[in-house]
Amino acid sequence: MTTQELIEYAIADKQLPQYLYKYRNNCANTDQIFTNAELWFGSPTTFNDPFDCQININTENTYEQIKTWFQNNAPHLGTEYIKERSTQLTENPEEWSAALKTIFKKVFVNTGICCFGQTDDNLLLWSHYTDSHSGFCLKFDVLKEKEVFSNLLRTVYKKEYPFYNHLTTPLQFTEMLIRTKADIWEYEQEFRVIKPNRVGTHKFSKSALVGVTFGCRCPTQEVCRIMELAINSGFSHLEFKQAVVSKSSFQVDIISL
């Protein structure tokens, strides 16, 4: 199956949502979303949560496990070197841990991540990511953008750092390092798009951006400016909405403009 077919199947099977939402403030580079049709994929080192993307490295491996790993992944090192190195790492597991941390740091710094929510009415997301409701929320149709959303992962929330063993569970690296956040953030119900070694801006199809919801404190002048900017930049198809404070409960109601 192609990537697009896998995404379509996952959405039909309710494993992935069809629509994802990006909460934004009105910072200096926000206009580029519309003028250049691009999103910023940042390094985890810039995230607001210093505990994000953290893991514990488990180096409790036997000599045979380490030797087998070298034989399978680096046979060119030679039998004698592999035996010697396996003995060293068995006797000094902290050296193995330090080497893995160096590798993880490089991956960590160079991985581009863009985060999305599942609705446009999450009060805490409005407060945390739109400058206290003065920004806006972008609505994307995943089915209309196969490139940007090709590596879409649901965030996993835990109380403690996950334990990672490079020899016994190497395929869990991405899930443990990139997908894991503290469970206090579970209200976000976040999805992440991962771009290995590609920190920076990434183009998206204009048809994939299908709506913009403005925060309940977004100034009228700014609402009009962004609407005009979007339309003049080729987004005349967008559905514009406004979040307003509910008169009866602690929530925002979403109305059409």
C-alpha atoms as a PDB file:
ATOM      1  CA  MET A   1       0.000   0.000   0.000  1.00  0.00           C
ATOM      2  CA  THR A   2       1.125   3.554  -0.690  1.00  0.00           C
ATOM      3  CA  THR A   3       1.494   6.121   2.101  1.00  0.00           C
ATOM      4  CA  GLN A   4      -1.686   7.825   0.940  1.00  0.00           C
ATOM      5  CA  GLU A   5      -3.593   4.534   0.984  1.00  0.00           C
ATOM      6  CA  LEU A   6      -2.344   3.775   4.498  1.00  0.00           C
ATOM      7  CA  ILE A   7      -3.492   7.198   5.706  1.00  0.00           C
ATOM      8  CA  GLU A   8      -6.894   6.767   4.049  1.00  0.00           C
ATOM      9  CA  TYR A   9      -7.295   3.340   5.657  1.00  0.00           C
ATOM     10  CA  ALA A  10      -6.278   4.653   9.107  1.00  0.00           C
ATOM     11  CA  ILE A  11      -8.789   7.499   8.864  1.00  0.00           C
ATOM     12  CA  ALA A  12     -11.577   5.202   7.674  1.00  0.00           C
ATOM     13  CA  ASP A  13     -10.748   2.846  10.557  1.00  0.00           C
ATOM     14  CA  LYS A  14     -10.825   5.762  13.054  1.00  0.00           C
ATOM     15  CA  GLN A  15      -7.150   5.284  13.921  1.00  0.00           C
ATOM     16  CA  LEU A  16      -6.386   8.812  12.692  1.00  0.00           C
ATOM     17  CA  PRO A  17      -8.615  11.896  12.522  1.00  0.00           C
ATOM     18  CA  GLN A  18      -9.366  13.400   9.129  1.00  0.00           C
ATOM     19  CA  TYR A  19      -8.969  16.934  10.446  1.00  0.00           C
ATOM     20  CA  LEU A  20      -6.133  18.330  12.530  1.00  0.00           C
ATOM     21  CA  TYR A  21      -5.879  21.751  14.133  1.00  0.00           C
ATOM     22  CA  LYS A  22      -2.866  24.012  14.545  1.00  0.00           C
ATOM     23  CA  TYR A  23      -3.126  26.731  17.196  1.00  0.00           C
ATOM     24  CA  ARG A  24      -1.066  29.845  16.444  1.00  0.00           C
ATOM     25  CA  ASN A  25      -0.322  33.266  17.891  1.00  0.00           C
ATOM     26  CA  ASN A  26       0.140  36.375  15.770  1.00  0.00           C
ATOM     27  CA  CYS A  27       3.944  36.406  15.760  1.00  0.00           C
ATOM     28  CA  ALA A  28       6.146  37.958  13.082  1.00  0.00           C
ATOM     29  CA  ASN A  29       6.382  34.882  10.827  1.00  0.00           C
ATOM     30  CA  THR A  30       2.718  33.872  11.024  1.00  0.00           C
ATOM     31  CA  ASP A  31       1.911  35.516   7.691  1.00  0.00           C
ATOM     32  CA  GLN A  32       4.173  32.999   5.915  1.00  0.00           C
ATOM     33  CA  ILE A  33       1.585  30.303   6.571  1.00  0.00           C
ATOM     34  CA  PHE A  34      -0.603  32.039   4.013  1.00  0.00           C
ATOM     35  CA  THR A  35       1.863  33.855   1.746  1.00  0.00           C
ATOM     36  CA  ASN A  36       4.153  30.824   1.327  1.00  0.00           C
ATOM     37  CA  ALA A  37       1.757  27.974   2.211  1.00  0.00           C
ATOM     38  CA  GLU A  38       4.244  26.542   4.690  1.00  0.00           C
ATOM     39  CA  LEU A  39       4.431  25.286   8.258  1.00  0.00           C
ATOM     40  CA  TRP A  40       7.356  25.411  10.653  1.00  0.00           C
ATOM     41  CA  PHE A  41       8.755  22.112  11.943  1.00  0.00           C
ATOM     42  CA  GLY A  42      10.810  22.873  15.030  1.00  0.00           C
ATOM     43  CA  SER A  43      13.454  20.947  16.927  1.00  0.00           C
ATOM     44  CA  PRO A  44      12.294  19.477  20.266  1.00  0.00           C
ATOM     45  CA  THR A  45      15.008  21.611  21.890  1.00  0.00           C
ATOM     46  CA  THR A  46      12.759  24.641  21.297  1.00  0.00           C
ATOM     47  CA  PHE A  47       9.621  23.155  22.895  1.00  0.00           C
ATOM     48  CA  ASN A  48       8.032  24.832  25.905  1.00  0.00           C
ATOM     49  CA  ASP A  49       8.213  21.637  27.978  1.00  0.00           C
ATOM     50  CA  PRO A  50      11.801  20.747  29.036  1.00  0.00           C
ATOM     51  CA  PHE A  51      10.639  17.211  29.870  1.00  0.00           C
ATOM     52  CA  ASP A  52       9.395  16.583  26.331  1.00  0.00           C
ATOM     53  CA  CYS A  53      11.158  13.846  24.337  1.00  0.00           C
ATOM     54  CA  GLN A  54      13.095  12.427  27.291  1.00  0.00           C
ATOM     55  CA  ILE A  55      13.911   8.754  27.907  1.00  0.00           C
ATOM     56  CA  ASN A  56      15.838   6.580  30.342  1.00  0.00           C
ATOM     57  CA  ILE A  57      18.479   4.422  28.705  1.00  0.00           C
ATOM     58  CA  ASN A  58      18.567   0.830  29.916  1.00  0.00           C
ATOM     59  CA  THR A  59      22.039  -0.669  29.420  1.00  0.00           C
ATOM     60  CA  GLU A  60      21.482  -3.905  31.338  1.00  0.00           C
ATOM     61  CA  ASN A  61      22.654  -6.094  28.483  1.00  0.00           C
ATOM     62  CA  THR A  62      24.624  -9.322  28.615  1.00  0.00           C
ATOM     63  CA  TYR A  63      27.898  -9.907  26.820  1.00  0.00           C
ATOM     64  CA  GLU A  64      26.134 -12.177  24.323  1.00  0.00           C
ATOM     65  CA  GLN A  65      23.480  -9.550  23.557  1.00  0.00           C
ATOM     66  CA  ILE A  66      26.089  -6.866  22.890  1.00  0.00           C
ATOM     67  CA  LYS A  67      28.261  -9.177  20.797  1.00  0.00           C
ATOM     68  CA  THR A  68      25.275 -10.311  18.730  1.00  0.00           C
ATOM     69  CA  TRP A  69      24.274  -6.695  18.123  1.00  0.00           C
ATOM     70  CA  PHE A  70      27.762  -5.856  16.804  1.00  0.00           C
ATOM     71  CA  GLN A  71      27.815  -8.978  14.636  1.00  0.00           C
ATOM     72  CA  ASN A  72      24.470  -8.046  13.069  1.00  0.00           C
ATOM     73  CA  ASN A  73      25.024  -4.301  12.703  1.00  0.00           C
ATOM     74  CA  ALA A  74      28.789  -3.826  12.355  1.00  0.00           C
ATOM     75  CA  PRO A  75      30.400  -7.099  11.206  1.00  0.00           C
ATOM     76  CA  HIS A  76      33.114  -5.147   9.383  1.00  0.00           C
ATOM     77  CA  LEU A  77      34.726  -4.379  12.762  1.00  0.00           C
ATOM     78  CA  GLY A  78      36.062  -7.925  12.921  1.00  0.00           C
ATOM     79  CA  THR A  79      35.617 -10.797  15.340  1.00  0.00           C
ATOM     80  CA  GLU A  80      38.404  -9.908  17.776  1.00  0.00           C
ATOM     81  CA  TYR A  81      37.418  -6.236  18.049  1.00  0.00           C
ATOM     82  CA  ILE A  82      33.772  -7.156  18.570  1.00  0.00           C
ATOM     83  CA  LYS A  83      34.682  -9.553  21.386  1.00  0.00           C
ATOM     84  CA  GLU A  84      36.945  -6.977  23.047  1.00  0.00           C
ATOM     85  CA  ARG A  85      34.446  -4.144  22.687  1.00  0.00           C
ATOM     86  CA  SER A  86      31.580  -6.309  23.922  1.00  0.00           C
ATOM     87  CA  THR A  87      33.570  -7.141  27.049  1.00  0.00           C
ATOM     88  CA  GLN A  88      34.329  -3.450  27.664  1.00  0.00           C
ATOM     89  CA  LEU A  89      30.690  -2.412  27.351  1.00  0.00           C
ATOM     90  CA  THR A  90      29.529  -5.280  29.547  1.00  0.00           C
ATOM     91  CA  GLU A  91      31.927  -4.230  32.301  1.00  0.00           C
ATOM     92  CA  ASN A  92      31.320  -0.484  31.796  1.00  0.00           C
ATOM     93  CA  PRO A  93      27.647   0.007  30.837  1.00  0.00           C
ATOM     94  CA  GLU A  94      27.888   3.755  31.509  1.00  0.00           C
ATOM     95  CA  GLU A  95      30.135   4.030  28.441  1.00  0.00           C
ATOM     96  CA  TRP A  96      27.412   2.420  26.327  1.00  0.00           C
ATOM     97  CA  SER A  97      24.872   4.810  27.820  1.00  0.00           C
ATOM     98  CA  ALA A  98      27.042   7.851  27.048  1.00  0.00           C
ATOM     99  CA  ALA A  99      27.497   6.749  23.436  1.00  0.00           C
ATOM    100  CA  LEU A 100      23.753   6.302  22.974  1.00  0.00           C
ATOM    101  CA  LYS A 101      23.024   9.695  24.534  1.00  0.00           C
ATOM    102  CA  THR A 102      25.379  11.320  22.018  1.00  0.00           C
ATOM    103  CA  ILE A 103      23.519   9.632  19.163  1.00  0.00           C
ATOM    104  CA  PHE A 104      20.121  10.552  20.585  1.00  0.00           C
ATOM    105  CA  LYS A 105      21.144  14.186  21.003  1.00  0.00           C
ATOM    106  CA  LYS A 106      21.992  14.460  17.306  1.00  0.00           C
ATOM    107  CA  VAL A 107      18.666  12.894  16.350  1.00  0.00           C
ATOM    108  CA  PHE A 108      16.852  15.058  18.888  1.00  0.00           C
ATOM    109  CA  VAL A 109      18.317  18.341  17.621  1.00  0.00           C
ATOM    110  CA  ASN A 110      17.802  17.622  13.917  1.00  0.00           C
ATOM    111  CA  THR A 111      14.287  16.177  13.965  1.00  0.00           C
ATOM    112  CA  GLY A 112      11.567  18.544  12.772  1.00  0.00           C
ATOM    113  CA  ILE A 113       8.242  18.252  14.586  1.00  0.00           C
ATOM    114  CA  CYS A 114       4.928  20.009  13.995  1.00  0.00           C
ATOM    115  CA  CYS A 115       2.194  19.529  16.610  1.00  0.00           C
ATOM    116  CA  PHE A 116      -1.572  19.458  16.089  1.00  0.00           C
ATOM    117  CA  GLY A 117      -4.730  19.152  18.158  1.00  0.00           C
ATOM    118  CA  GLN A 118      -7.986  17.373  17.324  1.00  0.00           C
ATOM    119  CA  THR A 119     -10.512  20.189  17.830  1.00  0.00           C
ATOM    120  CA  ASP A 120     -10.707  23.971  17.569  1.00  0.00           C
ATOM    121  CA  ASP A 121     -12.481  24.506  20.909  1.00  0.00           C
ATOM    122  CA  ASN A 122      -9.873  23.337  23.435  1.00  0.00           C
ATOM    123  CA  LEU A 123      -9.698  26.104  26.062  1.00  0.00           C
ATOM    124  CA  LEU A 124      -6.225  25.231  27.298  1.00  0.00           C
ATOM    125  CA  LEU A 125      -4.772  25.065  23.797  1.00  0.00           C
ATOM    126  CA  TRP A 126      -6.269  28.472  23.074  1.00  0.00           C
ATOM    127  CA  SER A 127      -4.703  29.833  26.258  1.00  0.00           C
ATOM    128  CA  HIS A 128      -1.280  28.228  25.851  1.00  0.00           C
ATOM    129  CA  TYR A 129      -0.606  28.552  22.123  1.00  0.00           C
ATOM    130  CA  THR A 130      -2.555  31.565  20.827  1.00  0.00           C
ATOM    131  CA  ASP A 131      -1.344  34.265  23.217  1.00  0.00           C
ATOM    132  CA  SER A 132      -4.368  33.945  25.492  1.00  0.00           C
ATOM    133  CA  HIS A 133      -7.024  33.528  22.787  1.00  0.00           C
ATOM    134  CA  SER A 134      -5.772  36.444  20.655  1.00  0.00           C
ATOM    135  CA  GLY A 135      -4.449  34.259  17.819  1.00  0.00           C
ATOM    136  CA  PHE A 136      -6.166  31.721  15.596  1.00  0.00           C
ATOM    137  CA  CYS A 137      -6.516  28.010  14.855  1.00  0.00           C
ATOM    138  CA  LEU A 138      -5.854  26.421  11.454  1.00  0.00           C
ATOM    139  CA  LYS A 139      -7.917  23.454  10.258  1.00  0.00           C
ATOM    140  CA  PHE A 140      -6.198  20.930   7.954  1.00  0.00           C
ATOM    141  CA  ASP A 141      -7.716  18.079   5.973  1.00  0.00           C
ATOM    142  CA  VAL A 142      -5.219  15.214   6.259  1.00  0.00           C
ATOM    143  CA  LEU A 143      -6.602  13.525   3.142  1.00  0.00           C
ATOM    144  CA  LYS A 144      -5.621  16.512   1.010  1.00  0.00           C
ATOM    145  CA  GLU A 145      -1.937  16.604   2.015  1.00  0.00           C
ATOM    146  CA  LYS A 146      -0.107  13.298   1.655  1.00  0.00           C
ATOM    147  CA  GLU A 147       3.424  14.720   1.972  1.00  0.00           C
ATOM    148  CA  VAL A 148       3.213  16.825   5.139  1.00  0.00           C
ATOM    149  CA  PHE A 149       1.130  14.263   7.027  1.00  0.00           C
ATOM    150  CA  SER A 150       3.021  11.202   5.773  1.00  0.00           C
ATOM    151  CA  ASN A 151       4.581  10.510   9.182  1.00  0.00           C
ATOM    152  CA  LEU A 152       1.746  11.267  11.577  1.00  0.00           C
ATOM    153  CA  LEU A 153       2.007   9.914  15.126  1.00  0.00           C
ATOM    154  CA  ARG A 154      -0.318  10.056  18.111  1.00  0.00           C
ATOM    155  CA  THR A 155       1.440  11.423  21.202  1.00  0.00           C
ATOM    156  CA  VAL A 156       1.767   9.008  24.135  1.00  0.00           C
ATOM    157  CA  TYR A 157       1.370  10.347  27.689  1.00  0.00           C
ATOM    158  CA  LYS A 158       3.157   8.783  30.666  1.00  0.00           C
ATOM    159  CA  LYS A 159       3.957   9.560  34.299  1.00  0.00           C
ATOM    160  CA  GLU A 160       7.624   8.570  33.982  1.00  0.00           C
ATOM    161  CA  TYR A 161      10.277   8.611  31.280  1.00  0.00           C
ATOM    162  CA  PRO A 162      10.098   5.432  29.192  1.00  0.00           C
ATOM    163  CA  PHE A 163      13.004   2.964  29.433  1.00  0.00           C
ATOM    164  CA  TYR A 164      14.755   2.311  26.150  1.00  0.00           C
ATOM    165  CA  ASN A 165      17.088  -0.604  25.454  1.00  0.00           C
ATOM    166  CA  HIS A 166      18.870  -0.153  22.135  1.00  0.00           C
ATOM    167  CA  LEU A 167      19.705  -3.837  21.810  1.00  0.00           C
ATOM    168  CA  THR A 168      16.395  -5.446  22.704  1.00  0.00           C
ATOM    169  CA  THR A 169      13.861  -2.825  21.507  1.00  0.00           C
ATOM    170  CA  PRO A 170      15.573  -0.724  18.795  1.00  0.00           C
ATOM    171  CA  LEU A 171      12.387  -0.212  16.797  1.00  0.00           C
ATOM    172  CA  GLN A 172      10.731   1.567  19.733  1.00  0.00           C
ATOM    173  CA  PHE A 173      13.178   4.472  19.597  1.00  0.00           C
ATOM    174  CA  THR A 174      10.884   6.876  17.734  1.00  0.00           C
ATOM    175  CA  GLU A 175       7.862   6.064  19.863  1.00  0.00           C
ATOM    176  CA  MET A 176       9.746   6.439  23.114  1.00  0.00           C
ATOM    177  CA  LEU A 177      11.776   9.559  22.336  1.00  0.00           C
ATOM    178  CA  ILE A 178       9.636  11.573  19.934  1.00  0.00           C
ATOM    179  CA  ARG A 179       6.094  10.570  20.921  1.00  0.00           C
ATOM    180  CA  THR A 180       6.261  10.637  24.712  1.00  0.00           C
ATOM    181  CA  LYS A 181       5.124  13.513  26.941  1.00  0.00           C
ATOM    182  CA  ALA A 182       4.249  13.832  30.624  1.00  0.00           C
ATOM    183  CA  ASP A 183       0.673  12.796  31.352  1.00  0.00           C
ATOM    184  CA  ILE A 184      -0.121  16.281  32.680  1.00  0.00           C
ATOM    185  CA  TRP A 185      -0.312  17.315  28.994  1.00  0.00           C
ATOM    186  CA  GLU A 186      -2.850  14.648  28.090  1.00  0.00           C
ATOM    187  CA  TYR A 187      -5.595  17.243  27.682  1.00  0.00           C
ATOM    188  CA  GLU A 188      -3.899  18.295  24.430  1.00  0.00           C
ATOM    189  CA  GLN A 189      -4.754  14.975  22.709  1.00  0.00           C
ATOM    190  CA  GLU A 190      -1.870  15.788  20.403  1.00  0.00           C
ATOM    191  CA  PHE A 191      -0.713  14.394  17.089  1.00  0.00           C
ATOM    192  CA  ARG A 192       2.793  15.015  15.802  1.00  0.00           C
ATOM    193  CA  VAL A 193       4.172  15.041  12.294  1.00  0.00           C
ATOM    194  CA  ILE A 194       7.835  13.976  12.247  1.00  0.00           C
ATOM    195  CA  LYS A 195      10.454  15.019   9.677  1.00  0.00           C
ATOM    196  CA  PRO A 196      13.840  13.339  10.408  1.00  0.00           C
ATOM    197  CA  ASN A 197      16.785  15.655   9.714  1.00  0.00           C
ATOM    198  CA  ARG A 198      14.458  18.335   8.364  1.00  0.00           C
ATOM    199  CA  VAL A 199      14.033  21.154  10.870  1.00  0.00           C
ATOM    200  CA  GLY A 200      12.573  24.193   9.120  1.00  0.00           C
ATOM    201  CA  THR A 201       9.648  25.177   6.916  1.00  0.00           C
ATOM    202  CA  HIS A 202       7.674  22.649   4.863  1.00  0.00           C
ATOM    203  CA  LYS A 203       5.255  23.453   2.061  1.00  0.00           C
ATOM    204  CA  PHE A 204       1.678  22.195   2.158  1.00  0.00           C
ATOM    205  CA  SER A 205      -1.029  22.013  -0.505  1.00  0.00           C
ATOM    206  CA  LYS A 206      -3.295  25.042  -0.298  1.00  0.00           C
ATOM    207  CA  SER A 207      -6.335  22.813  -0.612  1.00  0.00           C
ATOM    208  CA  ALA A 208      -5.323  21.039   2.621  1.00  0.00           C
ATOM    209  CA  LEU A 209      -5.909  24.157   4.721  1.00  0.00           C
ATOM    210  CA  VAL A 210      -9.701  24.277   4.881  1.00  0.00           C
ATOM    211  CA  GLY A 211     -10.509  26.658   7.721  1.00  0.00           C
ATOM    212  CA  VAL A 212      -9.375  29.319  10.173  1.00  0.00           C
ATOM    213  CA  THR A 213     -10.982  29.943  13.565  1.00  0.00           C
ATOM    214  CA  PHE A 214     -10.073  33.211  15.285  1.00  0.00           C
ATOM    215  CA  GLY A 215      -9.704  33.406  19.049  1.00  0.00           C
ATOM    216  CA  CYS A 216     -12.295  35.164  21.171  1.00  0.00           C
ATOM    217  CA  ARG A 217      -9.761  37.930  21.932  1.00  0.00           C
ATOM    218  CA  CYS A 218      -8.374  38.294  18.424  1.00  0.00           C
ATOM    219  CA  PRO A 219      -8.728  42.018  17.535  1.00  0.00           C
ATOM    220  CA  THR A 220     -11.251  42.741  14.790  1.00  0.00           C
ATOM    221  CA  GLN A 221      -8.579  44.571  12.813  1.00  0.00           C
ATOM    222  CA  GLU A 222      -6.357  41.482  12.910  1.00  0.00           C
ATOM    223  CA  VAL A 223      -9.234  39.205  11.905  1.00  0.00           C
ATOM    224  CA  CYS A 224      -9.903  41.351   8.846  1.00  0.00           C
ATOM    225  CA  ARG A 225      -6.201  41.566   7.987  1.00  0.00           C
ATOM    226  CA  ILE A 226      -5.643  37.806   8.110  1.00  0.00           C
ATOM    227  CA  MET A 227      -8.812  37.069   6.156  1.00  0.00           C
ATOM    228  CA  GLU A 228      -7.729  39.486   3.430  1.00  0.00           C
ATOM    229  CA  LEU A 229      -4.178  38.104   3.446  1.00  0.00           C
ATOM    230  CA  ALA A 230      -5.436  34.524   3.143  1.00  0.00           C
ATOM    231  CA  ILE A 231      -7.841  35.293   0.303  1.00  0.00           C
ATOM    232  CA  ASN A 232      -5.221  37.294  -1.607  1.00  0.00           C
ATOM    233  CA  SER A 233      -2.734  34.430  -1.148  1.00  0.00           C
ATOM    234  CA  GLY A 234      -4.927  31.838  -2.844  1.00  0.00           C
ATOM    235  CA  PHE A 235      -7.012  30.637   0.102  1.00  0.00           C
ATOM    236  CA  SER A 236     -10.400  31.954  -0.990  1.00  0.00           C
ATOM    237  CA  HIS A 237     -11.899  28.528  -0.236  1.00  0.00           C
ATOM    238  CA  LEU A 238     -11.311  28.829   3.521  1.00  0.00           C
ATOM    239  CA  GLU A 239     -14.165  28.687   6.000  1.00  0.00           C
ATOM    240  CA  PHE A 240     -13.635  31.480   8.525  1.00  0.00           C
ATOM    241  CA  LYS A 241     -14.999  31.136  12.050  1.00  0.00           C
ATOM    242  CA  GLN A 242     -14.771  32.916  15.392  1.00  0.00           C
ATOM    243  CA  ALA A 243     -14.536  31.511  18.902  1.00  0.00           C
ATOM    244  CA  VAL A 244     -16.809  33.357  21.334  1.00  0.00           C
ATOM    245  CA  VAL A 245     -17.136  33.002  25.094  1.00  0.00           C
ATOM    246  CA  SER A 246     -20.143  30.884  26.001  1.00  0.00           C
ATOM    247  CA  LYS A 247     -22.824  32.619  28.053  1.00  0.00           C
ATOM    248  CA  SER A 248     -23.794  29.471  29.937  1.00  0.00           C
ATOM    249  CA  SER A 249     -20.689  27.318  30.506  1.00  0.00           C
ATOM    250  CA  PHE A 250     -16.897  27.310  30.661  1.00  0.00           C
ATOM    251  CA  GLN A 251     -16.292  26.842  26.959  1.00  0.00           C
ATOM    252  CA  VAL A 252     -16.045  28.684  23.671  1.00  0.00           C
ATOM    253  CA  ASP A 253     -18.702  28.458  21.012  1.00  0.00           C
ATOM    254  CA  ILE A 254     -17.569  28.442  17.384  1.00  0.00           C
ATOM    255  CA  ILE A 255     -19.585  30.605  14.988  1.00  0.00           C
ATOM    256  CA  SER A 256     -19.236  31.230  11.258  1.00  0.00           C
ATOM    257  CA  LEU A 257     -18.121  34.631   9.989  1.00  0.00           C
END
